[in-house]
Amino acid sequence: MREISYFSALYDFIKYPISGEEEFGLRNAQLGAIHAIAANDTLEENGNSMIVMPTGSGKTTVLMMAPYILRKSKVLIVTPLTPAKI
């Protein structure tokens, strides 16, 4: 019997509200990133993903939604302690 993960169990409660003039919701960059994550998972189900978005674009929201969209049982998010220097 397959165990249902926390993220899979709550998948049906995930909404994609689109930000508008009078309503709060996801911005276009966030929607695009979420769809890109889902598309990547269809190609590499057990692969890794790297999310690169500009400052202030809503990375935290995207990363919080990703495990639900992918219905994963485990999630590991790695961030650098110090910013990368180019």
C-alpha atoms as a PDB file:
ATOM      1  CA  MET A   1       0.000   0.000   0.000  1.00  0.00           C
ATOM      2  CA  ARG A   2       1.428   3.379  -1.019  1.00  0.00           C
ATOM      3  CA  GLU A   3       1.609   5.931   1.756  1.00  0.00           C
ATOM      4  CA  ILE A   4       0.120   9.300   0.871  1.00  0.00           C
ATOM      5  CA  SER A   5       2.432  12.169   1.703  1.00  0.00           C
ATOM      6  CA  TYR A   6       1.416  15.400   3.382  1.00  0.00           C
ATOM      7  CA  PHE A   7       1.934  17.287   0.121  1.00  0.00           C
ATOM      8  CA  SER A   8      -0.096  14.813  -1.952  1.00  0.00           C
ATOM      9  CA  ALA A   9      -2.944  14.826   0.536  1.00  0.00           C
ATOM     10  CA  LEU A  10      -3.267  18.624   0.322  1.00  0.00           C
ATOM     11  CA  TYR A  11      -2.760  18.933  -3.443  1.00  0.00           C
ATOM     12  CA  ASP A  12      -6.457  19.619  -4.099  1.00  0.00           C
ATOM     13  CA  PHE A  13      -6.326  22.690  -1.862  1.00  0.00           C
ATOM     14  CA  ILE A  14      -3.619  24.441  -3.916  1.00  0.00           C
ATOM     15  CA  LYS A  15      -4.974  27.400  -5.877  1.00  0.00           C
ATOM     16  CA  TYR A  16      -3.382  29.543  -8.585  1.00  0.00           C
ATOM     17  CA  PRO A  17      -4.983  32.945  -8.051  1.00  0.00           C
ATOM     18  CA  ILE A  18      -3.664  35.453 -10.575  1.00  0.00           C
ATOM     19  CA  SER A  19      -2.712  38.885  -9.279  1.00  0.00           C
ATOM     20  CA  GLY A  20      -4.902  41.673 -10.560  1.00  0.00           C
ATOM     21  CA  GLU A  21      -5.505  45.341  -9.916  1.00  0.00           C
ATOM     22  CA  GLU A  22      -7.854  44.650  -7.020  1.00  0.00           C
ATOM     23  CA  GLU A  23      -6.894  41.102  -6.033  1.00  0.00           C
ATOM     24  CA  PHE A  24      -3.792  39.541  -4.555  1.00  0.00           C
ATOM     25  CA  GLY A  25      -2.409  36.478  -6.236  1.00  0.00           C
ATOM     26  CA  LEU A  26       0.519  35.040  -8.125  1.00  0.00           C
ATOM     27  CA  ARG A  27       2.469  37.216 -10.521  1.00  0.00           C
ATOM     28  CA  ASN A  28       3.354  36.086 -14.040  1.00  0.00           C
ATOM     29  CA  ALA A  29       6.945  35.213 -13.090  1.00  0.00           C
ATOM     30  CA  GLN A  30       5.698  33.016 -10.242  1.00  0.00           C
ATOM     31  CA  LEU A  31       3.152  31.242 -12.443  1.00  0.00           C
ATOM     32  CA  GLY A  32       5.796  30.647 -15.088  1.00  0.00           C
ATOM     33  CA  ALA A  33       8.243  29.236 -12.556  1.00  0.00           C
ATOM     34  CA  ILE A  34       5.641  26.902 -11.047  1.00  0.00           C
ATOM     35  CA  HIS A  35       4.701  25.583 -14.490  1.00  0.00           C
ATOM     36  CA  ALA A  36       8.384  25.184 -15.395  1.00  0.00           C
ATOM     37  CA  ILE A  37       8.982  23.136 -12.233  1.00  0.00           C
ATOM     38  CA  ALA A  38       6.021  20.896 -13.064  1.00  0.00           C
ATOM     39  CA  ALA A  39       7.173  20.508 -16.670  1.00  0.00           C
ATOM     40  CA  ASN A  40      10.692  19.605 -15.552  1.00  0.00           C
ATOM     41  CA  ASP A  41       9.276  16.952 -13.228  1.00  0.00           C
ATOM     42  CA  THR A  42       7.452  15.264 -16.119  1.00  0.00           C
ATOM     43  CA  LEU A  43      10.791  14.861 -17.909  1.00  0.00           C
ATOM     44  CA  GLU A  44      12.902  13.898 -14.885  1.00  0.00           C
ATOM     45  CA  GLU A  45      10.633  12.566 -12.159  1.00  0.00           C
ATOM     46  CA  ASN A  46      13.457  11.995  -9.690  1.00  0.00           C
ATOM     47  CA  GLY A  47      15.702  14.749 -10.971  1.00  0.00           C
ATOM     48  CA  ASN A  48      16.788  17.967  -9.351  1.00  0.00           C
ATOM     49  CA  SER A  49      15.527  21.434 -10.157  1.00  0.00           C
ATOM     50  CA  MET A  50      17.239  24.778  -9.821  1.00  0.00           C
ATOM     51  CA  ILE A  51      15.093  27.840  -9.365  1.00  0.00           C
ATOM     52  CA  VAL A  52      16.694  31.134 -10.392  1.00  0.00           C
ATOM     53  CA  MET A  53      14.563  34.247 -10.086  1.00  0.00           C
ATOM     54  CA  PRO A  54      15.419  37.914  -9.522  1.00  0.00           C
ATOM     55  CA  THR A  55      15.276  39.546  -6.123  1.00  0.00           C
ATOM     56  CA  GLY A  56      11.716  40.383  -5.139  1.00  0.00           C
ATOM     57  CA  SER A  57      10.077  38.175  -7.764  1.00  0.00           C
ATOM     58  CA  GLY A  58       8.511  35.737  -5.297  1.00  0.00           C
ATOM     59  CA  LYS A  59      10.920  32.817  -4.989  1.00  0.00           C
ATOM     60  CA  THR A  60       9.661  31.951  -1.506  1.00  0.00           C
ATOM     61  CA  THR A  61       6.087  31.538  -2.737  1.00  0.00           C
ATOM     62  CA  VAL A  62       7.223  29.365  -5.640  1.00  0.00           C
ATOM     63  CA  LEU A  63       9.359  27.183  -3.376  1.00  0.00           C
ATOM     64  CA  MET A  64       6.518  26.823  -0.885  1.00  0.00           C
ATOM     65  CA  MET A  65       4.126  25.656  -3.630  1.00  0.00           C
ATOM     66  CA  ALA A  66       6.524  23.294  -5.413  1.00  0.00           C
ATOM     67  CA  PRO A  67       6.212  20.242  -3.111  1.00  0.00           C
ATOM     68  CA  TYR A  68       2.412  20.387  -3.348  1.00  0.00           C
ATOM     69  CA  ILE A  69       2.399  20.733  -7.135  1.00  0.00           C
ATOM     70  CA  LEU A  70       4.864  17.853  -7.486  1.00  0.00           C
ATOM     71  CA  ARG A  71       3.141  15.792  -4.766  1.00  0.00           C
ATOM     72  CA  LYS A  72       6.470  14.933  -3.179  1.00  0.00           C
ATOM     73  CA  SER A  73       6.988  13.122   0.095  1.00  0.00           C
ATOM     74  CA  LYS A  74      10.326  14.772   0.889  1.00  0.00           C
ATOM     75  CA  VAL A  75      11.738  18.167   0.028  1.00  0.00           C
ATOM     76  CA  LEU A  76      15.236  19.566   0.439  1.00  0.00           C
ATOM     77  CA  ILE A  77      15.818  23.252  -0.202  1.00  0.00           C
ATOM     78  CA  VAL A  78      19.433  24.414  -0.232  1.00  0.00           C
ATOM     79  CA  THR A  79      20.403  28.075  -0.157  1.00  0.00           C
ATOM     80  CA  PRO A  80      23.899  29.550   0.023  1.00  0.00           C
ATOM     81  CA  LEU A  81      24.929  31.168   3.289  1.00  0.00           C
ATOM     82  CA  THR A  82      26.684  33.973   1.451  1.00  0.00           C
ATOM     83  CA  PRO A  83      25.754  35.418  -1.948  1.00  0.00           C
ATOM     84  CA  ALA A  84      27.678  34.149  -4.945  1.00  0.00           C
ATOM     85  CA  LYS A  85      30.174  36.599  -6.400  1.00  0.00           C
ATOM     86  CA  ILE A  86      30.490  36.863 -10.138  1.00  0.00           C
END
